[in-house]
Amino acid sequence: MNFDINILIVEDLLTTRLFLRRTLKKLGYFNVVLAEDGQAALEVLKQKPFDLIISDWHMPNMDGLDLFKELTKDRKLRDIPF
């Protein structure tokens, strides 16, 4: 089965990012993009729309809570399930 939704994974540990992407692909989610922290996620979100964000809470540069706060300030991004 192929689910046509765009998912953003925000996680500072490379092994965890790759594991989550591989697991989601096995479940049929092939449009998965990776970001290593909240700051990188904001840059990715400027380029492409996403249907779901899966984020770590503790990360360097910008953690998950700060990312969530930034998303709520933007009308286009605040309704993305986080």
PDB file of N, CA and C in Angstrom:
ATOM      1  N   MET A   1       0.842  -1.174   0.000  1.00  0.00           N
ATOM      2  CA  MET A   1       0.000   0.000   0.000  1.00  0.00           C
ATOM      3  C   MET A   1       0.891   1.241   0.000  1.00  0.00           C
ATOM      4  N   ASN A   2       0.499   2.282  -0.724  1.00  0.00           N
ATOM      5  CA  ASN A   2       1.273   3.515  -0.796  1.00  0.00           C
ATOM      6  C   ASN A   2       0.399   4.678  -0.339  1.00  0.00           C
ATOM      7  N   PHE A   3       0.766   5.264   0.776  1.00  0.00           N
ATOM      8  CA  PHE A   3       0.039   6.422   1.296  1.00  0.00           C
ATOM      9  C   PHE A   3       0.706   7.685   0.786  1.00  0.00           C
ATOM     10  N   ASP A   4      -0.052   8.534   0.131  1.00  0.00           N
ATOM     11  CA  ASP A   4       0.504   9.720  -0.509  1.00  0.00           C
ATOM     12  C   ASP A   4       0.421  10.944   0.410  1.00  0.00           C
ATOM     13  N   ILE A   5       1.191  10.908   1.491  1.00  0.00           N
ATOM     14  CA  ILE A   5       1.288  12.070   2.362  1.00  0.00           C
ATOM     15  C   ILE A   5       2.765  12.387   2.576  1.00  0.00           C
ATOM     16  N   ASN A   6       3.048  13.647   2.839  1.00  0.00           N
ATOM     17  CA  ASN A   6       4.416  14.093   3.076  1.00  0.00           C
ATOM     18  C   ASN A   6       4.667  14.164   4.578  1.00  0.00           C
ATOM     19  N   ILE A   7       5.716  13.458   5.021  1.00  0.00           N
ATOM     20  CA  ILE A   7       6.054  13.405   6.435  1.00  0.00           C
ATOM     21  C   ILE A   7       7.449  13.981   6.633  1.00  0.00           C
ATOM     22  N   LEU A   8       7.576  14.840   7.643  1.00  0.00           N
ATOM     23  CA  LEU A   8       8.873  15.404   8.021  1.00  0.00           C
ATOM     24  C   LEU A   8       9.276  14.807   9.361  1.00  0.00           C
ATOM     25  N   ILE A   9      10.461  14.199   9.392  1.00  0.00           N
ATOM     26  CA  ILE A   9      11.018  13.665  10.627  1.00  0.00           C
ATOM     27  C   ILE A   9      12.124  14.604  11.084  1.00  0.00           C
ATOM     28  N   VAL A  10      12.007  15.085  12.316  1.00  0.00           N
ATOM     29  CA  VAL A  10      12.999  15.996  12.884  1.00  0.00           C
ATOM     30  C   VAL A  10      13.643  15.287  14.071  1.00  0.00           C
ATOM     31  N   GLU A  11      14.910  14.938  13.911  1.00  0.00           N
ATOM     32  CA  GLU A  11      15.608  14.125  14.917  1.00  0.00           C
ATOM     33  C   GLU A  11      17.101  14.352  14.774  1.00  0.00           C
ATOM     34  N   ASP A  12      17.797  14.602  15.882  1.00  0.00           N
ATOM     35  CA  ASP A  12      19.223  14.882  15.797  1.00  0.00           C
ATOM     36  C   ASP A  12      20.089  13.626  15.634  1.00  0.00           C
ATOM     37  N   LEU A  13      19.620  12.472  16.041  1.00  0.00           N
ATOM     38  CA  LEU A  13      20.406  11.246  15.903  1.00  0.00           C
ATOM     39  C   LEU A  13      20.165  10.598  14.540  1.00  0.00           C
ATOM     40  N   LEU A  14      21.217  10.481  13.778  1.00  0.00           N
ATOM     41  CA  LEU A  14      21.120   9.939  12.421  1.00  0.00           C
ATOM     42  C   LEU A  14      20.516   8.543  12.408  1.00  0.00           C
ATOM     43  N   THR A  15      20.946   7.671  13.303  1.00  0.00           N
ATOM     44  CA  THR A  15      20.425   6.308  13.302  1.00  0.00           C
ATOM     45  C   THR A  15      18.918   6.285  13.553  1.00  0.00           C
ATOM     46  N   THR A  16      18.441   7.157  14.420  1.00  0.00           N
ATOM     47  CA  THR A  16      17.003   7.214  14.696  1.00  0.00           C
ATOM     48  C   THR A  16      16.253   7.765  13.499  1.00  0.00           C
ATOM     49  N   ARG A  17      16.799   8.793  12.846  1.00  0.00           N
ATOM     50  CA  ARG A  17      16.161   9.343  11.631  1.00  0.00           C
ATOM     51  C   ARG A  17      16.020   8.259  10.574  1.00  0.00           C
ATOM     52  N   LEU A  18      17.092   7.530  10.334  1.00  0.00           N
ATOM     53  CA  LEU A  18      17.068   6.491   9.301  1.00  0.00           C
ATOM     54  C   LEU A  18      16.132   5.345   9.673  1.00  0.00           C
ATOM     55  N   PHE A  19      16.115   4.973  10.956  1.00  0.00           N
ATOM     56  CA  PHE A  19      15.207   3.920  11.412  1.00  0.00           C
ATOM     57  C   PHE A  19      13.751   4.326  11.200  1.00  0.00           C
ATOM     58  N   LEU A  20      13.403   5.554  11.576  1.00  0.00           N
ATOM     59  CA  LEU A  20      12.026   6.018  11.403  1.00  0.00           C
ATOM     60  C   LEU A  20      11.636   6.061   9.924  1.00  0.00           C
ATOM     61  N   ARG A  21      12.540   6.554   9.082  1.00  0.00           N
ATOM     62  CA  ARG A  21      12.236   6.597   7.643  1.00  0.00           C
ATOM     63  C   ARG A  21      12.035   5.194   7.080  1.00  0.00           C
ATOM     64  N   ARG A  22      12.918   4.274   7.451  1.00  0.00           N
ATOM     65  CA  ARG A  22      12.807   2.893   6.964  1.00  0.00           C
ATOM     66  C   ARG A  22      11.501   2.252   7.441  1.00  0.00           C
ATOM     67  N   THR A  23      11.149   2.476   8.690  1.00  0.00           N
ATOM     68  CA  THR A  23       9.915   1.912   9.240  1.00  0.00           C
ATOM     69  C   THR A  23       8.694   2.473   8.529  1.00  0.00           C
ATOM     70  N   LEU A  24       8.672   3.782   8.317  1.00  0.00           N
ATOM     71  CA  LEU A  24       7.535   4.400   7.623  1.00  0.00           C
ATOM     72  C   LEU A  24       7.430   3.902   6.186  1.00  0.00           C
ATOM     73  N   LYS A  25       8.558   3.726   5.520  1.00  0.00           N
ATOM     74  CA  LYS A  25       8.529   3.208   4.150  1.00  0.00           C
ATOM     75  C   LYS A  25       7.977   1.782   4.104  1.00  0.00           C
ATOM     76  N   LYS A  26       8.330   0.976   5.088  1.00  0.00           N
ATOM     77  CA  LYS A  26       7.792  -0.388   5.155  1.00  0.00           C
ATOM     78  C   LYS A  26       6.274  -0.365   5.343  1.00  0.00           C
ATOM     79  N   LEU A  27       5.774   0.670   5.997  1.00  0.00           N
ATOM     80  CA  LEU A  27       4.336   0.810   6.214  1.00  0.00           C
ATOM     81  C   LEU A  27       3.612   1.455   5.030  1.00  0.00           C
ATOM     82  N   GLY A  28       4.380   1.887   4.002  1.00  0.00           N
ATOM     83  CA  GLY A  28       3.770   2.451   2.805  1.00  0.00           C
ATOM     84  C   GLY A  28       3.851   3.956   2.691  1.00  0.00           C
ATOM     85  N   TYR A  29       4.604   4.597   3.572  1.00  0.00           N
ATOM     86  CA  TYR A  29       4.777   6.052   3.514  1.00  0.00           C
ATOM     87  C   TYR A  29       6.125   6.350   2.874  1.00  0.00           C
ATOM     88  N   PHE A  30       6.103   6.742   1.597  1.00  0.00           N
ATOM     89  CA  PHE A  30       7.338   6.897   0.849  1.00  0.00           C
ATOM     90  C   PHE A  30       7.810   8.339   0.740  1.00  0.00           C
ATOM     91  N   ASN A  31       6.961   9.305   1.052  1.00  0.00           N
ATOM     92  CA  ASN A  31       7.335  10.711   0.972  1.00  0.00           C
ATOM     93  C   ASN A  31       7.791  11.192   2.352  1.00  0.00           C
ATOM     94  N   VAL A  32       8.998  10.760   2.737  1.00  0.00           N
ATOM     95  CA  VAL A  32       9.542  11.068   4.058  1.00  0.00           C
ATOM     96  C   VAL A  32      10.807  11.903   3.884  1.00  0.00           C
ATOM     97  N   VAL A  33      10.839  13.049   4.555  1.00  0.00           N
ATOM     98  CA  VAL A  33      11.992  13.954   4.506  1.00  0.00           C
ATOM     99  C   VAL A  33      12.574  14.042   5.909  1.00  0.00           C
ATOM    100  N   LEU A  34      13.905  14.137   5.982  1.00  0.00           N
ATOM    101  CA  LEU A  34      14.601  14.169   7.258  1.00  0.00           C
ATOM    102  C   LEU A  34      15.223  15.531   7.524  1.00  0.00           C
ATOM    103  N   ALA A  35      15.195  15.955   8.799  1.00  0.00           N
ATOM    104  CA  ALA A  35      15.874  17.174   9.244  1.00  0.00           C
ATOM    105  C   ALA A  35      16.545  16.874  10.576  1.00  0.00           C
ATOM    106  N   GLU A  36      17.746  17.439  10.786  1.00  0.00           N
ATOM    107  CA  GLU A  36      18.515  17.092  11.981  1.00  0.00           C
ATOM    108  C   GLU A  36      18.206  17.947  13.206  1.00  0.00           C
ATOM    109  N   ASP A  37      17.460  19.032  13.048  1.00  0.00           N
ATOM    110  CA  ASP A  37      17.039  19.842  14.197  1.00  0.00           C
ATOM    111  C   ASP A  37      15.918  20.778  13.759  1.00  0.00           C
ATOM    112  N   GLY A  38      15.398  21.531  14.700  1.00  0.00           N
ATOM    113  CA  GLY A  38      14.279  22.420  14.406  1.00  0.00           C
ATOM    114  C   GLY A  38      14.607  23.491  13.379  1.00  0.00           C
ATOM    115  N   GLN A  39      15.815  24.009  13.437  1.00  0.00           N
ATOM    116  CA  GLN A  39      16.228  25.045  12.484  1.00  0.00           C
ATOM    117  C   GLN A  39      16.225  24.489  11.061  1.00  0.00           C
ATOM    118  N   ALA A  40      16.768  23.297  10.886  1.00  0.00           N
ATOM    119  CA  ALA A  40      16.773  22.661   9.565  1.00  0.00           C
ATOM    120  C   ALA A  40      15.344  22.354   9.118  1.00  0.00           C
ATOM    121  N   ALA A  41      14.496  21.972  10.058  1.00  0.00           N
ATOM    122  CA  ALA A  41      13.095  21.679   9.730  1.00  0.00           C
ATOM    123  C   ALA A  41      12.389  22.916   9.203  1.00  0.00           C
ATOM    124  N   LEU A  42      12.639  24.067   9.810  1.00  0.00           N
ATOM    125  CA  LEU A  42      12.010  25.308   9.332  1.00  0.00           C
ATOM    126  C   LEU A  42      12.430  25.620   7.904  1.00  0.00           C
ATOM    127  N   GLU A  43      13.680  25.363   7.574  1.00  0.00           N
ATOM    128  CA  GLU A  43      14.145  25.590   6.205  1.00  0.00           C
ATOM    129  C   GLU A  43      13.439  24.653   5.225  1.00  0.00           C
ATOM    130  N   VAL A  44      13.288  23.381   5.603  1.00  0.00           N
ATOM    131  CA  VAL A  44      12.606  22.407   4.756  1.00  0.00           C
ATOM    132  C   VAL A  44      11.137  22.790   4.591  1.00  0.00           C
ATOM    133  N   LEU A  45      10.516  23.251   5.657  1.00  0.00           N
ATOM    134  CA  LEU A  45       9.094  23.626   5.609  1.00  0.00           C
ATOM    135  C   LEU A  45       8.829  24.819   4.699  1.00  0.00           C
ATOM    136  N   LYS A  46       9.837  25.639   4.437  1.00  0.00           N
ATOM    137  CA  LYS A  46       9.690  26.770   3.507  1.00  0.00           C
ATOM    138  C   LYS A  46       9.617  26.289   2.064  1.00  0.00           C
ATOM    139  N   GLN A  47      10.169  25.095   1.800  1.00  0.00           N
ATOM    140  CA  GLN A  47      10.291  24.600   0.435  1.00  0.00           C
ATOM    141  C   GLN A  47       9.172  23.671  -0.007  1.00  0.00           C
ATOM    142  N   LYS A  48       8.508  23.013   0.953  1.00  0.00           N
ATOM    143  CA  LYS A  48       7.564  21.955   0.594  1.00  0.00           C
ATOM    144  C   LYS A  48       6.490  21.837   1.669  1.00  0.00           C
ATOM    145  N   PRO A  49       5.247  21.570   1.285  1.00  0.00           N
ATOM    146  CA  PRO A  49       4.204  21.365   2.298  1.00  0.00           C
ATOM    147  C   PRO A  49       4.284  19.952   2.899  1.00  0.00           C
ATOM    148  N   PHE A  50       3.935  19.846   4.175  1.00  0.00           N
ATOM    149  CA  PHE A  50       3.939  18.553   4.860  1.00  0.00           C
ATOM    150  C   PHE A  50       2.592  18.308   5.509  1.00  0.00           C
ATOM    151  N   ASP A  51       2.255  17.022   5.609  1.00  0.00           N
ATOM    152  CA  ASP A  51       0.995  16.591   6.218  1.00  0.00           C
ATOM    153  C   ASP A  51       1.173  16.158   7.668  1.00  0.00           C
ATOM    154  N   LEU A  52       2.417  15.858   8.060  1.00  0.00           N
ATOM    155  CA  LEU A  52       2.698  15.376   9.408  1.00  0.00           C
ATOM    156  C   LEU A  52       4.149  15.683   9.750  1.00  0.00           C
ATOM    157  N   ILE A  53       4.386  16.097  11.006  1.00  0.00           N
ATOM    158  CA  ILE A  53       5.746  16.305  11.503  1.00  0.00           C
ATOM    159  C   ILE A  53       5.937  15.396  12.716  1.00  0.00           C
ATOM    160  N   ILE A  54       6.989  14.590  12.652  1.00  0.00           N
ATOM    161  CA  ILE A  54       7.377  13.752  13.789  1.00  0.00           C
ATOM    162  C   ILE A  54       8.691  14.331  14.302  1.00  0.00           C
ATOM    163  N   SER A  55       8.691  14.788  15.549  1.00  0.00           N
ATOM    164  CA  SER A  55       9.863  15.496  16.048  1.00  0.00           C
ATOM    165  C   SER A  55      10.342  14.973  17.395  1.00  0.00           C
ATOM    166  N   ASP A  56      11.646  14.951  17.526  1.00  0.00           N
ATOM    167  CA  ASP A  56      12.289  14.716  18.808  1.00  0.00           C
ATOM    168  C   ASP A  56      12.058  15.954  19.671  1.00  0.00           C
ATOM    169  N   TRP A  57      12.147  15.789  20.956  1.00  0.00           N
ATOM    170  CA  TRP A  57      11.930  16.917  21.865  1.00  0.00           C
ATOM    171  C   TRP A  57      13.237  17.619  22.200  1.00  0.00           C
ATOM    172  N   HIS A  58      14.305  16.846  22.461  1.00  0.00           N
ATOM    173  CA  HIS A  58      15.595  17.403  22.868  1.00  0.00           C
ATOM    174  C   HIS A  58      16.576  17.313  21.705  1.00  0.00           C
ATOM    175  N   MET A  59      16.921  18.492  21.150  1.00  0.00           N
ATOM    176  CA  MET A  59      17.869  18.555  20.045  1.00  0.00           C
ATOM    177  C   MET A  59      18.707  19.819  20.199  1.00  0.00           C
ATOM    178  N   PRO A  60      19.903  19.837  19.618  1.00  0.00           N
ATOM    179  CA  PRO A  60      20.707  21.063  19.643  1.00  0.00           C
ATOM    180  C   PRO A  60      20.142  22.105  18.673  1.00  0.00           C
ATOM    181  N   ASN A  61      20.609  23.312  18.779  1.00  0.00           N
ATOM    182  CA  ASN A  61      20.236  24.449  17.921  1.00  0.00           C
ATOM    183  C   ASN A  61      18.798  24.897  18.157  1.00  0.00           C
ATOM    184  N   MET A  62      17.823  24.063  17.837  1.00  0.00           N
ATOM    185  CA  MET A  62      16.419  24.361  18.109  1.00  0.00           C
ATOM    186  C   MET A  62      15.724  23.054  18.450  1.00  0.00           C
ATOM    187  N   ASP A  63      15.212  22.960  19.679  1.00  0.00           N
ATOM    188  CA  ASP A  63      14.577  21.717  20.102  1.00  0.00           C
ATOM    189  C   ASP A  63      13.133  21.630  19.602  1.00  0.00           C
ATOM    190  N   GLY A  64      12.497  20.507  19.889  1.00  0.00           N
ATOM    191  CA  GLY A  64      11.143  20.265  19.406  1.00  0.00           C
ATOM    192  C   GLY A  64      10.123  21.257  19.931  1.00  0.00           C
ATOM    193  N   LEU A  65      10.266  21.678  21.182  1.00  0.00           N
ATOM    194  CA  LEU A  65       9.334  22.639  21.759  1.00  0.00           C
ATOM    195  C   LEU A  65       9.452  23.998  21.069  1.00  0.00           C
ATOM    196  N   ASP A  66      10.679  24.445  20.827  1.00  0.00           N
ATOM    197  CA  ASP A  66      10.870  25.715  20.125  1.00  0.00           C
ATOM    198  C   ASP A  66      10.374  25.631  18.681  1.00  0.00           C
ATOM    199  N   LEU A  67      10.570  24.491  18.049  1.00  0.00           N
ATOM    200  CA  LEU A  67      10.041  24.291  16.697  1.00  0.00           C
ATOM    201  C   LEU A  67       8.523  24.399  16.711  1.00  0.00           C
ATOM    202  N   PHE A  68       7.902  23.731  17.663  1.00  0.00           N
ATOM    203  CA  PHE A  68       6.441  23.785  17.767  1.00  0.00           C
ATOM    204  C   PHE A  68       5.962  25.224  17.963  1.00  0.00           C
ATOM    205  N   LYS A  69       6.633  25.984  18.809  1.00  0.00           N
ATOM    206  CA  LYS A  69       6.267  27.391  19.045  1.00  0.00           C
ATOM    207  C   LYS A  69       6.377  28.209  17.760  1.00  0.00           C
ATOM    208  N   GLU A  70       7.424  27.965  16.979  1.00  0.00           N
ATOM    209  CA  GLU A  70       7.586  28.680  15.712  1.00  0.00           C
ATOM    210  C   GLU A  70       6.484  28.318  14.725  1.00  0.00           C
ATOM    211  N   LEU A  71       6.113  27.051  14.689  1.00  0.00           N
ATOM    212  CA  LEU A  71       5.061  26.616  13.769  1.00  0.00           C
ATOM    213  C   LEU A  71       3.726  27.268  14.104  1.00  0.00           C
ATOM    214  N   THR A  72       3.434  27.432  15.385  1.00  0.00           N
ATOM    215  CA  THR A  72       2.151  28.022  15.778  1.00  0.00           C
ATOM    216  C   THR A  72       2.055  29.489  15.415  1.00  0.00           C
ATOM    217  N   LYS A  73       3.178  30.139  15.150  1.00  0.00           N
ATOM    218  CA  LYS A  73       3.184  31.552  14.752  1.00  0.00           C
ATOM    219  C   LYS A  73       2.860  31.744  13.269  1.00  0.00           C
ATOM    220  N   ASP A  74       2.989  30.679  12.490  1.00  0.00           N
ATOM    221  CA  ASP A  74       2.817  30.765  11.032  1.00  0.00           C
ATOM    222  C   ASP A  74       1.461  30.178  10.633  1.00  0.00           C
ATOM    223  N   ARG A  75       0.645  30.990   9.996  1.00  0.00           N
ATOM    224  CA  ARG A  75      -0.706  30.542   9.607  1.00  0.00           C
ATOM    225  C   ARG A  75      -0.694  29.328   8.697  1.00  0.00           C
ATOM    226  N   LYS A  76       0.319  29.202   7.833  1.00  0.00           N
ATOM    227  CA  LYS A  76       0.379  28.077   6.904  1.00  0.00           C
ATOM    228  C   LYS A  76       0.849  26.785   7.578  1.00  0.00           C
ATOM    229  N   LEU A  77       1.570  26.907   8.686  1.00  0.00           N
ATOM    230  CA  LEU A  77       2.179  25.743   9.301  1.00  0.00           C
ATOM    231  C   LEU A  77       1.516  25.293  10.588  1.00  0.00           C
ATOM    232  N   ARG A  78       0.740  26.136  11.215  1.00  0.00           N
ATOM    233  CA  ARG A  78       0.215  25.836  12.548  1.00  0.00           C
ATOM    234  C   ARG A  78      -0.753  24.667  12.610  1.00  0.00           C
ATOM    235  N   ASP A  79      -1.369  24.300  11.494  1.00  0.00           N
ATOM    236  CA  ASP A  79      -2.342  23.213  11.510  1.00  0.00           C
ATOM    237  C   ASP A  79      -1.765  21.857  11.122  1.00  0.00           C
ATOM    238  N   ILE A  80      -0.466  21.797  10.875  1.00  0.00           N
ATOM    239  CA  ILE A  80       0.163  20.508  10.550  1.00  0.00           C
ATOM    240  C   ILE A  80       0.224  19.674  11.832  1.00  0.00           C
ATOM    241  N   PRO A  81      -0.306  18.449  11.806  1.00  0.00           N
ATOM    242  CA  PRO A  81      -0.200  17.596  13.001  1.00  0.00           C
ATOM    243  C   PRO A  81       1.261  17.408  13.394  1.00  0.00           C
ATOM    244  N   PHE A  82       1.529  17.578  14.668  1.00  0.00           N
ATOM    245  CA  PHE A  82       2.898  17.577  15.200  1.00  0.00           C
ATOM    246  C   PHE A  82       2.994  16.535  16.285  1.00  0.00           C
TER     247      PHE A  82
END
